[in-house]
C-alpha atoms as a PDB file:
ATOM      1  CA  MET A   1      30.019  -1.706 -14.568  1.00  0.00           C
ATOM      2  CA  LEU A   2      27.169   0.726 -15.147  1.00  0.00           C
ATOM      3  CA  THR A   3      27.782   4.425 -14.777  1.00  0.00           C
ATOM      4  CA  ARG A   4      25.827   6.150 -12.034  1.00  0.00           C
ATOM      5  CA  GLU A   5      23.521   7.700 -14.664  1.00  0.00           C
ATOM      6  CA  GLU A   6      22.850   4.317 -16.301  1.00  0.00           C
ATOM      7  CA  LEU A   7      22.151   2.835 -12.888  1.00  0.00           C
ATOM      8  CA  ALA A   8      19.822   5.732 -12.037  1.00  0.00           C
ATOM      9  CA  THR A   9      17.876   5.116 -15.247  1.00  0.00           C
ATOM     10  CA  THR A  10      17.578   1.413 -14.437  1.00  0.00           C
ATOM     11  CA  VAL A  11      16.447   2.117 -10.871  1.00  0.00           C
ATOM     12  CA  ARG A  12      13.829   4.656 -12.002  1.00  0.00           C
ATOM     13  CA  THR A  13      12.531   2.222 -14.646  1.00  0.00           C
ATOM     14  CA  VAL A  14      12.192  -0.658 -12.165  1.00  0.00           C
ATOM     15  CA  ILE A  15      10.515   1.544  -9.546  1.00  0.00           C
ATOM     16  CA  SER A  16       8.094   2.997 -12.086  1.00  0.00           C
ATOM     17  CA  ASP A  17       7.193  -0.500 -13.332  1.00  0.00           C
ATOM     18  CA  VAL A  18       6.338  -1.626  -9.798  1.00  0.00           C
ATOM     19  CA  LEU A  19       4.474   1.555  -8.841  1.00  0.00           C
ATOM     20  CA  GLY A  20       2.715   2.040 -12.194  1.00  0.00           C
ATOM     21  CA  THR A  21       4.198   5.500 -12.778  1.00  0.00           C
ATOM     22  CA  GLU A  22       6.416   7.024 -15.433  1.00  0.00           C
ATOM     23  CA  PRO A  23      10.201   7.036 -14.847  1.00  0.00           C
ATOM     24  CA  GLU A  24      10.222  10.791 -15.451  1.00  0.00           C
ATOM     25  CA  GLU A  25       8.089  11.258 -12.315  1.00  0.00           C
ATOM     26  CA  LEU A  26      10.970   9.965 -10.190  1.00  0.00           C
ATOM     27  CA  ARG A  27      13.679  12.502  -9.388  1.00  0.00           C
ATOM     28  CA  GLU A  28      16.836  12.192  -7.302  1.00  0.00           C
ATOM     29  CA  ARG A  29      15.073  13.612  -4.236  1.00  0.00           C
ATOM     30  CA  THR A  30      11.806  11.696  -4.678  1.00  0.00           C
ATOM     31  CA  SER A  31      10.871   9.970  -1.424  1.00  0.00           C
ATOM     32  CA  LEU A  32       8.934   6.848  -2.317  1.00  0.00           C
ATOM     33  CA  ALA A  33       7.381   6.650   1.151  1.00  0.00           C
ATOM     34  CA  ASP A  34       6.297  10.283   1.300  1.00  0.00           C
ATOM     35  CA  GLU A  35       5.282  10.829  -2.322  1.00  0.00           C
ATOM     36  CA  PHE A  36       4.010   7.394  -3.351  1.00  0.00           C
ATOM     37  CA  GLY A  37       3.140   5.715  -0.042  1.00  0.00           C
ATOM     38  CA  ILE A  38       5.241   2.680  -0.979  1.00  0.00           C
ATOM     39  CA  ASP A  39       4.684  -0.355   1.225  1.00  0.00           C
ATOM     40  CA  SER A  40       7.114  -3.090   2.234  1.00  0.00           C
ATOM     41  CA  LEU A  41       5.833  -5.548  -0.388  1.00  0.00           C
ATOM     42  CA  GLU A  42       6.393  -3.035  -3.173  1.00  0.00           C
ATOM     43  CA  LEU A  43       9.851  -2.277  -1.808  1.00  0.00           C
ATOM     44  CA  MET A  44      10.729  -5.985  -1.741  1.00  0.00           C
ATOM     45  CA  GLU A  45       9.471  -6.363  -5.321  1.00  0.00           C
ATOM     46  CA  ILE A  46      11.674  -3.446  -6.390  1.00  0.00           C
ATOM     47  CA  GLY A  47      14.636  -5.057  -4.626  1.00  0.00           C
ATOM     48  CA  ALA A  48      14.021  -8.441  -6.261  1.00  0.00           C
ATOM     49  CA  ARG A  49      13.722  -6.910  -9.730  1.00  0.00           C
ATOM     50  CA  LEU A  50      16.871  -4.859  -9.227  1.00  0.00           C
ATOM     51  CA  GLU A  51      18.761  -7.961  -8.087  1.00  0.00           C
ATOM     52  CA  ARG A  52      17.736  -9.815 -11.256  1.00  0.00           C
ATOM     53  CA  THR A  53      18.409  -6.875 -13.541  1.00  0.00           C
ATOM     54  CA  LEU A  54      21.747  -5.874 -12.022  1.00  0.00           C
ATOM     55  CA  ARG A  55      22.864  -9.426 -11.091  1.00  0.00           C
ATOM     56  CA  LEU A  56      23.745  -8.046  -7.697  1.00  0.00           C
ATOM     57  CA  ARG A  57      22.773  -9.202  -4.226  1.00  0.00           C
ATOM     58  CA  ILE A  58      20.971  -6.337  -2.482  1.00  0.00           C
ATOM     59  CA  ASP A  59      20.708  -6.148   1.277  1.00  0.00           C
ATOM     60  CA  PRO A  60      17.081  -5.211   2.112  1.00  0.00           C
ATOM     61  CA  ASP A  61      18.429  -2.777   4.707  1.00  0.00           C
ATOM     62  CA  ASP A  62      20.008  -0.765   1.879  1.00  0.00           C
ATOM     63  CA  LEU A  63      16.627  -0.137   0.305  1.00  0.00           C
ATOM     64  CA  LEU A  64      14.933   0.419   3.654  1.00  0.00           C
ATOM     65  CA  SER A  65      17.557   2.961   4.690  1.00  0.00           C
ATOM     66  CA  ALA A  66      17.449   4.936   1.433  1.00  0.00           C
ATOM     67  CA  ARG A  67      16.023   8.400   2.032  1.00  0.00           C
ATOM     68  CA  ASP A  68      15.121   8.940  -1.600  1.00  0.00           C
ATOM     69  CA  VAL A  69      15.712   7.608  -5.113  1.00  0.00           C
ATOM     70  CA  GLY A  70      19.121   9.297  -5.405  1.00  0.00           C
ATOM     71  CA  HIS A  71      20.298   7.814  -2.118  1.00  0.00           C
ATOM     72  CA  ALA A  72      19.198   4.332  -3.275  1.00  0.00           C
ATOM     73  CA  VAL A  73      21.136   4.821  -6.517  1.00  0.00           C
ATOM     74  CA  ASP A  74      24.227   5.874  -4.558  1.00  0.00           C
ATOM     75  CA  LEU A  75      23.989   2.810  -2.308  1.00  0.00           C
ATOM     76  CA  LEU A  76      23.588   0.482  -5.289  1.00  0.00           C
ATOM     77  CA  HIS A  77      26.405   2.200  -7.186  1.00  0.00           C
ATOM     78  CA  ALA A  78      28.738   1.686  -4.219  1.00  0.00           C
ATOM     79  CA  ARG A  79      27.620  -1.959  -3.957  1.00  0.00           C
ATOM     80  CA  ALA A  80      28.237  -2.572  -7.658  1.00  0.00           C
ATOM     81  CA  ALA A  81      31.703  -0.988  -7.449  1.00  0.00           C
ATOM     82  CA  ASP A  82      32.797  -3.079  -4.462  1.00  0.00           C
ATOM     83  CA  PRO A  83      30.180  -5.488  -3.090  1.00  0.00           C
ATOM     84  CA  ALA A  84      32.225  -6.589  -0.072  1.00  0.00           C
ATOM     85  CA  ALA A  85      33.189  -3.094   1.064  1.00  0.00           C
ATOM     86  CA  ALA A  86      29.816  -1.503   0.363  1.00  0.00           C
ATOM     87  CA  ALA A  87      27.886  -3.959   2.494  1.00  0.00           C
ATOM     88  CA  PRO A  88      29.776  -6.261   4.798  1.00  0.00           C
ATOM     89  CA  GLY A  89      28.200  -9.680   4.948  1.00  0.00           C
ATOM     90  CA  SER A  90      26.501  -9.573   1.577  1.00  0.00           C
ATOM     91  CA  ARG A  91      27.613 -11.302  -1.563  1.00  0.00           C
ATOM     92  CA  THR A  92      27.239 -10.746  -5.282  1.00  0.00           C
ATOM     93  CA  ALA A  93      24.712 -12.955  -7.058  1.00  0.00           C
ATOM     94  CA  ASP A  94      27.546 -15.104  -8.425  1.00  0.00           C
ATOM     95  CA  ALA A  95      28.841 -15.966  -4.931  1.00  0.00           C
ATOM     96  CA  VAL A  96      25.812 -17.761  -3.515  1.00  0.00           C
ATOM     97  CA  ILE A  97      26.557 -20.126  -0.639  1.00  0.00           C
ATOM     98  CA  SER A  98      24.769 -23.454  -0.385  1.00  0.00           C
ATOM     99  CA  LEU A  99      22.495 -23.502   2.656  1.00  0.00           C
ATOM    100  CA  ASN A 100      22.373 -27.307   2.681  1.00  0.00           C
ATOM    101  CA  SER A 101      25.983 -27.913   3.601  1.00  0.00           C
ATOM    102  CA  PRO A 102      28.221 -26.924   6.527  1.00  0.00           C
ATOM    103  CA  ALA A 103      30.222 -23.699   6.121  1.00  0.00           C
ATOM    104  CA  GLY A 104      28.735 -23.089   2.686  1.00  0.00           C
ATOM    105  CA  GLY A 105      30.838 -25.801   1.023  1.00  0.00           C
ATOM    106  CA  PRO A 106      29.649 -28.128  -1.728  1.00  0.00           C
ATOM    107  CA  ALA A 107      26.476 -30.034  -0.909  1.00  0.00           C
END
């Protein structure tokens, strides 16, 4: 598992790639909405990239509810530590349920 600092570096790198900024411009208390005018498509792109990078299923509500970069890191750190407890109803990327079969069983 990544340390919080390693996770923060990853999050800042992904956000800066999507927004076209430098990671150093993003601080713990940076509000992406207020300071960068981030839109929902950019936020979804950040979420998708973080899911691929971290191999972790991210509930879009986590990113939408994050007040700032530090809060997003805290939410993701909690999710990585205990996916089931951090976000009831979500699953890690390795526990994908088949949508083609009843009750998520084999198709």
